[in-house]
Amino acid sequence: MVDFRLINSFLVVSRFCSFSRAADELRCTKAKISKDIKNLEEILGVKLIQRSTRSFSLTEIGVRYRERCELIKNQYDELHNEIVHQQTSIAGMIRVGAPASFGRKHVVPLLDMFMSQNPNLEVNLTLSDQIVDPIRLGMDLCFRIAEPVDSSMVMKRIAKNKSILCASPEYLKNATQVRVPEDLTKLDFVLYSAEHTVFNNIPLIFDSKKQLISVRGRYHVNDADVLLDLVLKGRGVGYLGLYHVYNLLRSGQLVQVLPQAEIQDKLEIFALYPSRYQQLKKVSYFLEFICQQWGEPPRWELLR
């Protein structure tokens, strides 16, 4: 029978892709971790990890073994917590991922309330605009803004990612008045860019006709918060998600540009988590809490 301690060492190593970081996490020596992995591979009779001085990767069997072990460990943790707390409280760590700007605006502000109501829970929040593999990173729940795709994970749709064009009143005072989509080409934009791609094409419907308008801008940035800051400073028009600017539109700090046009954004805001039989009570509880606070429809869609 395999010692669960060996399995835990393997799971931590695979999460960090590093024996040194796993040793730090488990508060032991790197040699101890190496010995645990070696013993586990000898017991199983298979190679779980391929490593050299420059690379680290799980074998095909290692990937499958990690996924099943994560499931077993999660179920064990849940059972242990239920017994210890007599099924009256929710406890343990919840690992959550979210896009950076969305997380800062709509997840982080809710954490204090959630944590004060649940003193036995811990939250590990990772904010990143990169598309990551939640299972590989050991996440229990991941919020994402993207086009929905087929996935082995469960997807809970939260809202359509409505986008708008907006600018500061100061910028619009001296800019060309926008009456039709073609007028957008006469304005300066602050553009989002990522991985050598500049997103300067705006798909929209105006007067019942679909159009794709290409715009220009001197500022190209890969961070939505920086983009918003530049728009607020009057550097140009921003093409931003409504969730990001709804409060600034309400306060008058930003003004919608060409409001009669409908931006055709295919992106949606949704939550991803492992298949239903893997979802832990603490995860569903956290997701339910967050969605209740956002409202239905989400508060950022209610401009009035």
C-alpha atoms as a PDB file:
ATOM      1  CA  MET A   1       0.000   0.000   0.000  1.00  0.00           C
ATOM      2  CA  VAL A   2       1.315   3.447  -0.944  1.00  0.00           C
ATOM      3  CA  ASP A   3       2.053   5.837   1.923  1.00  0.00           C
ATOM      4  CA  PHE A   4      -0.169   8.897   1.456  1.00  0.00           C
ATOM      5  CA  ARG A   5       2.780  11.069   2.463  1.00  0.00           C
ATOM      6  CA  LEU A   6       4.578   9.977  -0.727  1.00  0.00           C
ATOM      7  CA  ILE A   7       1.526  10.909  -2.801  1.00  0.00           C
ATOM      8  CA  ASN A   8       1.377  14.323  -1.149  1.00  0.00           C
ATOM      9  CA  SER A   9       5.044  14.949  -1.944  1.00  0.00           C
ATOM     10  CA  PHE A  10       4.361  14.051  -5.583  1.00  0.00           C
ATOM     11  CA  LEU A  11       1.345  16.380  -5.773  1.00  0.00           C
ATOM     12  CA  VAL A  12       3.279  19.318  -4.345  1.00  0.00           C
ATOM     13  CA  VAL A  13       6.227  18.700  -6.694  1.00  0.00           C
ATOM     14  CA  SER A  14       3.911  18.542  -9.723  1.00  0.00           C
ATOM     15  CA  ARG A  15       2.123  21.736  -8.656  1.00  0.00           C
ATOM     16  CA  PHE A  16       5.337  23.765  -8.392  1.00  0.00           C
ATOM     17  CA  CYS A  17       7.301  21.894 -11.089  1.00  0.00           C
ATOM     18  CA  SER A  18      10.206  22.138  -8.690  1.00  0.00           C
ATOM     19  CA  PHE A  19      11.721  19.884  -6.043  1.00  0.00           C
ATOM     20  CA  SER A  20      13.212  22.895  -4.222  1.00  0.00           C
ATOM     21  CA  ARG A  21       9.921  24.780  -3.980  1.00  0.00           C
ATOM     22  CA  ALA A  22       8.124  21.607  -2.922  1.00  0.00           C
ATOM     23  CA  ALA A  23      10.689  21.144  -0.139  1.00  0.00           C
ATOM     24  CA  ASP A  24      10.067  24.724   1.028  1.00  0.00           C
ATOM     25  CA  GLU A  25       6.304  24.168   0.966  1.00  0.00           C
ATOM     26  CA  LEU A  26       6.545  20.935   2.974  1.00  0.00           C
ATOM     27  CA  ARG A  27       9.315  22.285   5.201  1.00  0.00           C
ATOM     28  CA  CYS A  28      11.793  19.525   4.541  1.00  0.00           C
ATOM     29  CA  THR A  29      14.940  19.019   2.508  1.00  0.00           C
ATOM     30  CA  LYS A  30      15.141  18.658  -1.263  1.00  0.00           C
ATOM     31  CA  ALA A  31      16.840  15.284  -0.714  1.00  0.00           C
ATOM     32  CA  LYS A  32      13.806  14.110   1.287  1.00  0.00           C
ATOM     33  CA  ILE A  33      11.464  15.085  -1.532  1.00  0.00           C
ATOM     34  CA  SER A  34      13.650  13.307  -4.119  1.00  0.00           C
ATOM     35  CA  LYS A  35      13.657  10.180  -1.976  1.00  0.00           C
ATOM     36  CA  ASP A  36       9.859  10.276  -1.635  1.00  0.00           C
ATOM     37  CA  ILE A  37       9.395  10.500  -5.413  1.00  0.00           C
ATOM     38  CA  LYS A  38      11.912   7.700  -6.000  1.00  0.00           C
ATOM     39  CA  ASN A  39      10.166   5.444  -3.449  1.00  0.00           C
ATOM     40  CA  LEU A  40       6.763   6.181  -4.987  1.00  0.00           C
ATOM     41  CA  GLU A  41       7.994   5.346  -8.504  1.00  0.00           C
ATOM     42  CA  GLU A  42       9.552   2.093  -7.241  1.00  0.00           C
ATOM     43  CA  ILE A  43       6.317   1.066  -5.513  1.00  0.00           C
ATOM     44  CA  LEU A  44       4.271   1.804  -8.651  1.00  0.00           C
ATOM     45  CA  GLY A  45       6.873   0.429 -11.048  1.00  0.00           C
ATOM     46  CA  VAL A  46       6.524   3.408 -13.399  1.00  0.00           C
ATOM     47  CA  LYS A  47       8.275   6.702 -14.108  1.00  0.00           C
ATOM     48  CA  LEU A  48       6.137   9.656 -13.016  1.00  0.00           C
ATOM     49  CA  ILE A  49       8.548  12.536 -13.624  1.00  0.00           C
ATOM     50  CA  GLN A  50      11.113  13.230 -16.312  1.00  0.00           C
ATOM     51  CA  ARG A  51      13.706  15.677 -15.079  1.00  0.00           C
ATOM     52  CA  SER A  52      17.138  16.952 -15.854  1.00  0.00           C
ATOM     53  CA  THR A  53      19.207  19.931 -14.740  1.00  0.00           C
ATOM     54  CA  ARG A  54      17.256  22.130 -17.186  1.00  0.00           C
ATOM     55  CA  SER A  55      13.789  20.648 -17.539  1.00  0.00           C
ATOM     56  CA  PHE A  56      10.953  19.125 -15.585  1.00  0.00           C
ATOM     57  CA  SER A  57       7.848  17.377 -16.909  1.00  0.00           C
ATOM     58  CA  LEU A  58       5.370  14.716 -15.902  1.00  0.00           C
ATOM     59  CA  THR A  59       5.194  11.553 -17.950  1.00  0.00           C
ATOM     60  CA  GLU A  60       1.882  10.610 -19.518  1.00  0.00           C
ATOM     61  CA  ILE A  61       1.252   8.208 -16.631  1.00  0.00           C
ATOM     62  CA  GLY A  62       2.390  10.920 -14.217  1.00  0.00           C
ATOM     63  CA  VAL A  63      -0.274  13.307 -15.514  1.00  0.00           C
ATOM     64  CA  ARG A  64      -3.014  10.682 -15.109  1.00  0.00           C
ATOM     65  CA  TYR A  65      -1.749   9.702 -11.670  1.00  0.00           C
ATOM     66  CA  ARG A  66      -1.699  13.352 -10.531  1.00  0.00           C
ATOM     67  CA  GLU A  67      -5.292  13.959 -11.671  1.00  0.00           C
ATOM     68  CA  ARG A  68      -6.603  10.905  -9.822  1.00  0.00           C
ATOM     69  CA  CYS A  69      -4.551  11.661  -6.721  1.00  0.00           C
ATOM     70  CA  GLU A  70      -5.823  15.257  -6.663  1.00  0.00           C
ATOM     71  CA  LEU A  71      -9.365  13.914  -6.711  1.00  0.00           C
ATOM     72  CA  ILE A  72      -8.642  11.481  -3.894  1.00  0.00           C
ATOM     73  CA  LYS A  73      -6.863  14.134  -1.822  1.00  0.00           C
ATOM     74  CA  ASN A  74      -9.709  16.625  -2.270  1.00  0.00           C
ATOM     75  CA  GLN A  75     -12.251  14.004  -1.241  1.00  0.00           C
ATOM     76  CA  TYR A  76     -10.102  13.042   1.741  1.00  0.00           C
ATOM     77  CA  ASP A  77      -9.733  16.700   2.806  1.00  0.00           C
ATOM     78  CA  GLU A  78     -13.475  17.241   2.492  1.00  0.00           C
ATOM     79  CA  LEU A  79     -14.291  14.121   4.518  1.00  0.00           C
ATOM     80  CA  HIS A  80     -11.748  15.069   7.184  1.00  0.00           C
ATOM     81  CA  ASN A  81     -13.194  18.567   7.499  1.00  0.00           C
ATOM     82  CA  GLU A  82     -16.732  17.267   7.729  1.00  0.00           C
ATOM     83  CA  ILE A  83     -15.768  14.896  10.537  1.00  0.00           C
ATOM     84  CA  VAL A  84     -13.691  17.421  12.450  1.00  0.00           C
ATOM     85  CA  HIS A  85     -16.361  20.111  12.258  1.00  0.00           C
ATOM     86  CA  GLN A  86     -19.285  17.662  12.516  1.00  0.00           C
ATOM     87  CA  GLN A  87     -20.596  18.786   9.168  1.00  0.00           C
ATOM     88  CA  THR A  88     -21.634  22.162  10.618  1.00  0.00           C
ATOM     89  CA  SER A  89     -18.983  24.379   9.062  1.00  0.00           C
ATOM     90  CA  ILE A  90     -17.035  24.748   5.851  1.00  0.00           C
ATOM     91  CA  ALA A  91     -13.260  24.785   6.264  1.00  0.00           C
ATOM     92  CA  GLY A  92      -9.956  24.510   4.434  1.00  0.00           C
ATOM     93  CA  MET A  93      -8.249  26.232   1.522  1.00  0.00           C
ATOM     94  CA  ILE A  94      -9.997  27.432  -1.641  1.00  0.00           C
ATOM     95  CA  ARG A  95      -7.689  28.135  -4.587  1.00  0.00           C
ATOM     96  CA  VAL A  96      -9.271  30.671  -6.952  1.00  0.00           C
ATOM     97  CA  GLY A  97      -8.066  32.230 -10.216  1.00  0.00           C
ATOM     98  CA  ALA A  98      -9.398  35.310 -12.030  1.00  0.00           C
ATOM     99  CA  PRO A  99      -8.397  37.806 -14.745  1.00  0.00           C
ATOM    100  CA  ALA A 100      -6.385  40.607 -13.149  1.00  0.00           C
ATOM    101  CA  SER A 101      -8.622  43.669 -13.590  1.00  0.00           C
ATOM    102  CA  PHE A 102     -11.866  41.706 -13.158  1.00  0.00           C
ATOM    103  CA  GLY A 103     -10.527  40.088  -9.991  1.00  0.00           C
ATOM    104  CA  ARG A 104      -9.397  43.406  -8.507  1.00  0.00           C
ATOM    105  CA  LYS A 105     -12.775  45.050  -9.142  1.00  0.00           C
ATOM    106  CA  HIS A 106     -15.240  42.241  -8.479  1.00  0.00           C
ATOM    107  CA  VAL A 107     -13.600  39.475  -6.413  1.00  0.00           C
ATOM    108  CA  VAL A 108     -11.105  41.151  -4.066  1.00  0.00           C
ATOM    109  CA  PRO A 109     -13.670  43.653  -2.622  1.00  0.00           C
ATOM    110  CA  LEU A 110     -15.881  40.727  -1.531  1.00  0.00           C
ATOM    111  CA  LEU A 111     -13.180  38.709   0.218  1.00  0.00           C
ATOM    112  CA  ASP A 112     -13.327  40.568   3.540  1.00  0.00           C
ATOM    113  CA  MET A 113     -17.043  39.900   3.943  1.00  0.00           C
ATOM    114  CA  PHE A 114     -16.673  36.259   2.903  1.00  0.00           C
ATOM    115  CA  MET A 115     -13.718  35.609   5.209  1.00  0.00           C
ATOM    116  CA  SER A 116     -15.371  37.301   8.203  1.00  0.00           C
ATOM    117  CA  GLN A 117     -18.403  35.057   7.758  1.00  0.00           C
ATOM    118  CA  ASN A 118     -16.253  31.924   7.343  1.00  0.00           C
ATOM    119  CA  PRO A 119     -13.361  31.971   9.852  1.00  0.00           C
ATOM    120  CA  ASN A 120     -12.418  28.352   9.069  1.00  0.00           C
ATOM    121  CA  LEU A 121     -11.792  29.044   5.383  1.00  0.00           C
ATOM    122  CA  GLU A 122      -8.665  30.268   3.635  1.00  0.00           C
ATOM    123  CA  VAL A 123      -8.569  31.726   0.117  1.00  0.00           C
ATOM    124  CA  ASN A 124      -5.589  31.603  -2.229  1.00  0.00           C
ATOM    125  CA  LEU A 125      -6.349  34.070  -5.054  1.00  0.00           C
ATOM    126  CA  THR A 126      -4.272  34.216  -8.243  1.00  0.00           C
ATOM    127  CA  LEU A 127      -4.842  37.178 -10.584  1.00  0.00           C
ATOM    128  CA  SER A 128      -3.542  36.812 -14.130  1.00  0.00           C
ATOM    129  CA  ASP A 129      -4.649  37.702 -17.659  1.00  0.00           C
ATOM    130  CA  GLN A 130      -2.957  34.593 -19.042  1.00  0.00           C
ATOM    131  CA  ILE A 131      -5.143  31.623 -19.956  1.00  0.00           C
ATOM    132  CA  VAL A 132      -4.022  28.957 -17.512  1.00  0.00           C
ATOM    133  CA  ASP A 133      -4.869  25.309 -16.865  1.00  0.00           C
ATOM    134  CA  PRO A 134      -6.780  25.377 -13.554  1.00  0.00           C
ATOM    135  CA  ILE A 135      -6.269  21.660 -12.933  1.00  0.00           C
ATOM    136  CA  ARG A 136      -2.524  21.828 -13.514  1.00  0.00           C
ATOM    137  CA  LEU A 137      -2.245  24.749 -11.085  1.00  0.00           C
ATOM    138  CA  GLY A 138      -4.391  23.008  -8.490  1.00  0.00           C
ATOM    139  CA  MET A 139      -7.176  25.610  -8.638  1.00  0.00           C
ATOM    140  CA  ASP A 140     -10.607  24.737  -7.269  1.00  0.00           C
ATOM    141  CA  LEU A 141     -12.334  27.506  -9.204  1.00  0.00           C
ATOM    142  CA  CYS A 142     -11.355  29.840 -12.026  1.00  0.00           C
ATOM    143  CA  PHE A 143     -13.211  32.886 -13.329  1.00  0.00           C
ATOM    144  CA  ARG A 144     -12.552  33.521 -16.991  1.00  0.00           C
ATOM    145  CA  ILE A 145     -13.456  36.056 -19.688  1.00  0.00           C
ATOM    146  CA  ALA A 146     -13.204  34.302 -23.036  1.00  0.00           C
ATOM    147  CA  GLU A 147     -15.139  32.561 -25.764  1.00  0.00           C
ATOM    148  CA  PRO A 148     -16.744  29.439 -24.282  1.00  0.00           C
ATOM    149  CA  VAL A 149     -14.995  26.248 -25.410  1.00  0.00           C
ATOM    150  CA  ASP A 150     -15.540  22.554 -24.868  1.00  0.00           C
ATOM    151  CA  SER A 151     -13.816  21.523 -21.677  1.00  0.00           C
ATOM    152  CA  SER A 152     -13.597  18.594 -19.301  1.00  0.00           C
ATOM    153  CA  MET A 153     -14.419  21.108 -16.582  1.00  0.00           C
ATOM    154  CA  VAL A 154     -17.861  22.391 -15.628  1.00  0.00           C
ATOM    155  CA  MET A 155     -18.695  25.890 -16.880  1.00  0.00           C
ATOM    156  CA  LYS A 156     -21.127  28.186 -15.056  1.00  0.00           C
ATOM    157  CA  ARG A 157     -22.096  31.167 -17.195  1.00  0.00           C
ATOM    158  CA  ILE A 158     -22.247  34.413 -15.242  1.00  0.00           C
ATOM    159  CA  ALA A 159     -22.865  37.035 -17.918  1.00  0.00           C
ATOM    160  CA  LYS A 160     -22.078  38.104 -21.452  1.00  0.00           C
ATOM    161  CA  ASN A 161     -19.010  40.341 -21.501  1.00  0.00           C
ATOM    162  CA  LYS A 162     -20.573  43.531 -22.783  1.00  0.00           C
ATOM    163  CA  SER A 163     -18.019  45.977 -24.161  1.00  0.00           C
ATOM    164  CA  ILE A 164     -18.373  49.667 -24.897  1.00  0.00           C
ATOM    165  CA  LEU A 165     -16.370  52.548 -26.348  1.00  0.00           C
ATOM    166  CA  CYS A 166     -15.720  55.336 -23.881  1.00  0.00           C
ATOM    167  CA  ALA A 167     -13.566  58.396 -23.278  1.00  0.00           C
ATOM    168  CA  SER A 168     -13.102  61.226 -20.808  1.00  0.00           C
ATOM    169  CA  PRO A 169     -15.229  64.390 -21.243  1.00  0.00           C
ATOM    170  CA  GLU A 170     -11.997  66.378 -21.606  1.00  0.00           C
ATOM    171  CA  TYR A 171     -10.841  64.309 -24.568  1.00  0.00           C
ATOM    172  CA  LEU A 172     -14.232  64.506 -26.305  1.00  0.00           C
ATOM    173  CA  LYS A 173     -14.334  68.317 -26.036  1.00  0.00           C
ATOM    174  CA  ASN A 174     -11.619  68.623 -28.683  1.00  0.00           C
ATOM    175  CA  ALA A 175     -12.290  65.418 -30.647  1.00  0.00           C
ATOM    176  CA  THR A 176     -14.244  64.883 -33.832  1.00  0.00           C
ATOM    177  CA  GLN A 177     -17.937  64.413 -33.076  1.00  0.00           C
ATOM    178  CA  VAL A 178     -18.899  60.779 -33.640  1.00  0.00           C
ATOM    179  CA  ARG A 179     -22.185  60.269 -35.463  1.00  0.00           C
ATOM    180  CA  VAL A 180     -21.451  57.118 -37.483  1.00  0.00           C
ATOM    181  CA  PRO A 181     -18.946  54.243 -37.066  1.00  0.00           C
ATOM    182  CA  GLU A 182     -16.625  55.655 -39.739  1.00  0.00           C
ATOM    183  CA  ASP A 183     -16.022  58.694 -37.510  1.00  0.00           C
ATOM    184  CA  LEU A 184     -14.196  56.393 -35.062  1.00  0.00           C
ATOM    185  CA  THR A 185     -11.267  56.241 -37.479  1.00  0.00           C
ATOM    186  CA  LYS A 186     -10.672  59.965 -36.857  1.00  0.00           C
ATOM    187  CA  LEU A 187     -10.128  59.460 -33.125  1.00  0.00           C
ATOM    188  CA  ASP A 188      -7.110  58.354 -31.095  1.00  0.00           C
ATOM    189  CA  PHE A 189      -7.572  55.078 -29.241  1.00  0.00           C
ATOM    190  CA  VAL A 190      -5.733  53.543 -26.311  1.00  0.00           C
ATOM    191  CA  LEU A 191      -5.377  49.975 -27.563  1.00  0.00           C
ATOM    192  CA  TYR A 192      -4.990  46.679 -25.784  1.00  0.00           C
ATOM    193  CA  SER A 193      -2.170  44.450 -27.015  1.00  0.00           C
ATOM    194  CA  ALA A 194      -1.013  40.984 -26.050  1.00  0.00           C
ATOM    195  CA  GLU A 195       1.572  38.587 -27.466  1.00  0.00           C
ATOM    196  CA  HIS A 196       2.459  40.918 -30.361  1.00  0.00           C
ATOM    197  CA  THR A 197      -1.207  41.375 -31.330  1.00  0.00           C
ATOM    198  CA  VAL A 198      -2.890  44.777 -31.201  1.00  0.00           C
ATOM    199  CA  PHE A 199      -6.667  44.635 -30.833  1.00  0.00           C
ATOM    200  CA  ASN A 200      -7.680  47.529 -33.055  1.00  0.00           C
ATOM    201  CA  ASN A 201     -10.649  46.036 -34.928  1.00  0.00           C
ATOM    202  CA  ILE A 202     -14.059  46.784 -33.445  1.00  0.00           C
ATOM    203  CA  PRO A 203     -16.983  44.557 -34.539  1.00  0.00           C
ATOM    204  CA  LEU A 204     -20.297  46.364 -34.168  1.00  0.00           C
ATOM    205  CA  ILE A 205     -23.858  46.681 -35.395  1.00  0.00           C
ATOM    206  CA  PHE A 206     -25.034  50.126 -36.423  1.00  0.00           C
ATOM    207  CA  ASP A 207     -28.333  50.892 -38.126  1.00  0.00           C
ATOM    208  CA  SER A 208     -28.968  47.104 -38.319  1.00  0.00           C
ATOM    209  CA  LYS A 209     -25.744  46.539 -40.285  1.00  0.00           C
ATOM    210  CA  LYS A 210     -22.690  44.608 -39.134  1.00  0.00           C
ATOM    211  CA  GLN A 211     -19.407  46.458 -39.520  1.00  0.00           C
ATOM    212  CA  LEU A 212     -15.770  45.950 -38.609  1.00  0.00           C
ATOM    213  CA  ILE A 213     -14.047  49.255 -37.902  1.00  0.00           C
ATOM    214  CA  SER A 214     -10.249  49.460 -37.740  1.00  0.00           C
ATOM    215  CA  VAL A 215      -9.004  52.205 -35.433  1.00  0.00           C
ATOM    216  CA  ARG A 216      -5.591  53.607 -34.588  1.00  0.00           C
ATOM    217  CA  GLY A 217      -3.819  54.678 -31.435  1.00  0.00           C
ATOM    218  CA  ARG A 218      -0.394  55.737 -30.186  1.00  0.00           C
ATOM    219  CA  TYR A 219      -0.717  53.864 -26.902  1.00  0.00           C
ATOM    220  CA  HIS A 220      -0.607  50.044 -26.912  1.00  0.00           C
ATOM    221  CA  VAL A 221      -0.726  48.372 -23.476  1.00  0.00           C
ATOM    222  CA  ASN A 222      -1.177  44.830 -22.195  1.00  0.00           C
ATOM    223  CA  ASP A 223      -2.902  45.720 -18.927  1.00  0.00           C
ATOM    224  CA  ALA A 224      -6.560  46.756 -18.776  1.00  0.00           C
ATOM    225  CA  ASP A 225      -6.077  48.875 -15.644  1.00  0.00           C
ATOM    226  CA  VAL A 226      -3.278  50.849 -17.292  1.00  0.00           C
ATOM    227  CA  LEU A 227      -5.428  51.250 -20.408  1.00  0.00           C
ATOM    228  CA  LEU A 228      -8.270  52.616 -18.296  1.00  0.00           C
ATOM    229  CA  ASP A 229      -5.938  55.020 -16.500  1.00  0.00           C
ATOM    230  CA  LEU A 230      -4.756  56.438 -19.836  1.00  0.00           C
ATOM    231  CA  VAL A 231      -8.337  56.855 -21.031  1.00  0.00           C
ATOM    232  CA  LEU A 232      -9.225  58.716 -17.826  1.00  0.00           C
ATOM    233  CA  LYS A 233      -6.242  61.018 -18.438  1.00  0.00           C
ATOM    234  CA  GLY A 234      -7.649  61.928 -21.835  1.00  0.00           C
ATOM    235  CA  ARG A 235      -5.175  60.076 -24.023  1.00  0.00           C
ATOM    236  CA  GLY A 236      -7.885  58.614 -26.248  1.00  0.00           C
ATOM    237  CA  VAL A 237     -10.899  56.322 -26.550  1.00  0.00           C
ATOM    238  CA  GLY A 238     -10.968  52.971 -24.800  1.00  0.00           C
ATOM    239  CA  TYR A 239     -12.571  49.706 -25.954  1.00  0.00           C
ATOM    240  CA  LEU A 240     -13.340  48.204 -22.551  1.00  0.00           C
ATOM    241  CA  GLY A 241     -15.581  45.732 -20.790  1.00  0.00           C
ATOM    242  CA  LEU A 242     -18.616  47.251 -19.096  1.00  0.00           C
ATOM    243  CA  TYR A 243     -17.635  45.483 -15.857  1.00  0.00           C
ATOM    244  CA  HIS A 244     -14.492  47.631 -15.856  1.00  0.00           C
ATOM    245  CA  VAL A 245     -16.015  51.078 -16.361  1.00  0.00           C
ATOM    246  CA  TYR A 246     -19.665  50.965 -15.233  1.00  0.00           C
ATOM    247  CA  ASN A 247     -19.039  53.024 -12.071  1.00  0.00           C
ATOM    248  CA  LEU A 248     -17.071  55.648 -14.021  1.00  0.00           C
ATOM    249  CA  LEU A 249     -19.915  55.994 -16.511  1.00  0.00           C
ATOM    250  CA  ARG A 250     -22.364  56.501 -13.646  1.00  0.00           C
ATOM    251  CA  SER A 251     -20.176  59.194 -12.075  1.00  0.00           C
ATOM    252  CA  GLY A 252     -19.611  60.993 -15.374  1.00  0.00           C
ATOM    253  CA  GLN A 253     -15.841  60.489 -15.341  1.00  0.00           C
ATOM    254  CA  LEU A 254     -16.252  58.627 -18.617  1.00  0.00           C
ATOM    255  CA  VAL A 255     -18.720  59.096 -21.470  1.00  0.00           C
ATOM    256  CA  GLN A 256     -19.895  56.380 -23.845  1.00  0.00           C
ATOM    257  CA  VAL A 257     -18.884  56.968 -27.458  1.00  0.00           C
ATOM    258  CA  LEU A 258     -21.383  56.085 -30.195  1.00  0.00           C
ATOM    259  CA  PRO A 259     -23.892  54.542 -27.718  1.00  0.00           C
ATOM    260  CA  GLN A 260     -26.332  53.728 -30.525  1.00  0.00           C
ATOM    261  CA  ALA A 261     -23.887  51.092 -31.825  1.00  0.00           C
ATOM    262  CA  GLU A 262     -23.857  47.588 -30.337  1.00  0.00           C
ATOM    263  CA  ILE A 263     -20.418  46.030 -29.886  1.00  0.00           C
ATOM    264  CA  GLN A 264     -20.438  42.407 -31.090  1.00  0.00           C
ATOM    265  CA  ASP A 265     -18.233  40.830 -28.430  1.00  0.00           C
ATOM    266  CA  LYS A 266     -18.203  37.010 -28.353  1.00  0.00           C
ATOM    267  CA  LEU A 267     -16.582  36.844 -24.950  1.00  0.00           C
ATOM    268  CA  GLU A 268     -18.458  35.651 -21.881  1.00  0.00           C
ATOM    269  CA  ILE A 269     -17.753  35.801 -18.161  1.00  0.00           C
ATOM    270  CA  PHE A 270     -17.942  32.356 -16.610  1.00  0.00           C
ATOM    271  CA  ALA A 271     -16.614  30.179 -13.822  1.00  0.00           C
ATOM    272  CA  LEU A 272     -14.773  26.913 -14.400  1.00  0.00           C
ATOM    273  CA  TYR A 273     -14.335  24.107 -11.899  1.00  0.00           C
ATOM    274  CA  PRO A 274     -13.597  20.360 -12.075  1.00  0.00           C
ATOM    275  CA  SER A 275     -16.414  18.008 -13.074  1.00  0.00           C
ATOM    276  CA  ARG A 276     -19.414  17.880 -10.776  1.00  0.00           C
ATOM    277  CA  TYR A 277     -18.427  14.856  -8.744  1.00  0.00           C
ATOM    278  CA  GLN A 278     -15.154  16.580  -7.880  1.00  0.00           C
ATOM    279  CA  GLN A 279     -16.669  19.902  -6.784  1.00  0.00           C
ATOM    280  CA  LEU A 280     -16.195  20.428  -3.074  1.00  0.00           C
ATOM    281  CA  LYS A 281     -18.819  21.937  -0.826  1.00  0.00           C
ATOM    282  CA  LYS A 282     -16.555  24.848   0.091  1.00  0.00           C
ATOM    283  CA  VAL A 283     -16.076  25.695  -3.605  1.00  0.00           C
ATOM    284  CA  SER A 284     -19.785  25.697  -4.451  1.00  0.00           C
ATOM    285  CA  TYR A 285     -20.419  27.759  -1.320  1.00  0.00           C
ATOM    286  CA  PHE A 286     -17.817  30.349  -2.341  1.00  0.00           C
ATOM    287  CA  LEU A 287     -19.136  30.557  -5.914  1.00  0.00           C
ATOM    288  CA  GLU A 288     -22.724  30.921  -4.685  1.00  0.00           C
ATOM    289  CA  PHE A 289     -21.674  33.719  -2.317  1.00  0.00           C
ATOM    290  CA  ILE A 290     -19.810  35.642  -5.043  1.00  0.00           C
ATOM    291  CA  CYS A 291     -22.649  35.323  -7.565  1.00  0.00           C
ATOM    292  CA  GLN A 292     -25.227  36.447  -4.981  1.00  0.00           C
ATOM    293  CA  GLN A 293     -23.183  39.570  -4.256  1.00  0.00           C
ATOM    294  CA  TRP A 294     -22.861  40.356  -7.970  1.00  0.00           C
ATOM    295  CA  GLY A 295     -26.584  39.961  -8.489  1.00  0.00           C
ATOM    296  CA  GLU A 296     -28.667  38.729 -11.416  1.00  0.00           C
ATOM    297  CA  PRO A 297     -28.063  40.406 -13.772  1.00  0.00           C
ATOM    298  CA  PRO A 298     -24.642  41.472 -12.447  1.00  0.00           C
ATOM    299  CA  ARG A 299     -24.521  44.961 -10.946  1.00  0.00           C
ATOM    300  CA  TRP A 300     -22.149  46.259 -13.630  1.00  0.00           C
ATOM    301  CA  GLU A 301     -24.878  45.806 -16.247  1.00  0.00           C
ATOM    302  CA  LEU A 302     -27.217  48.170 -14.411  1.00  0.00           C
ATOM    303  CA  LEU A 303     -26.055  51.605 -15.512  1.00  0.00           C
ATOM    304  CA  ARG A 304     -29.095  53.358 -14.004  1.00  0.00           C
END
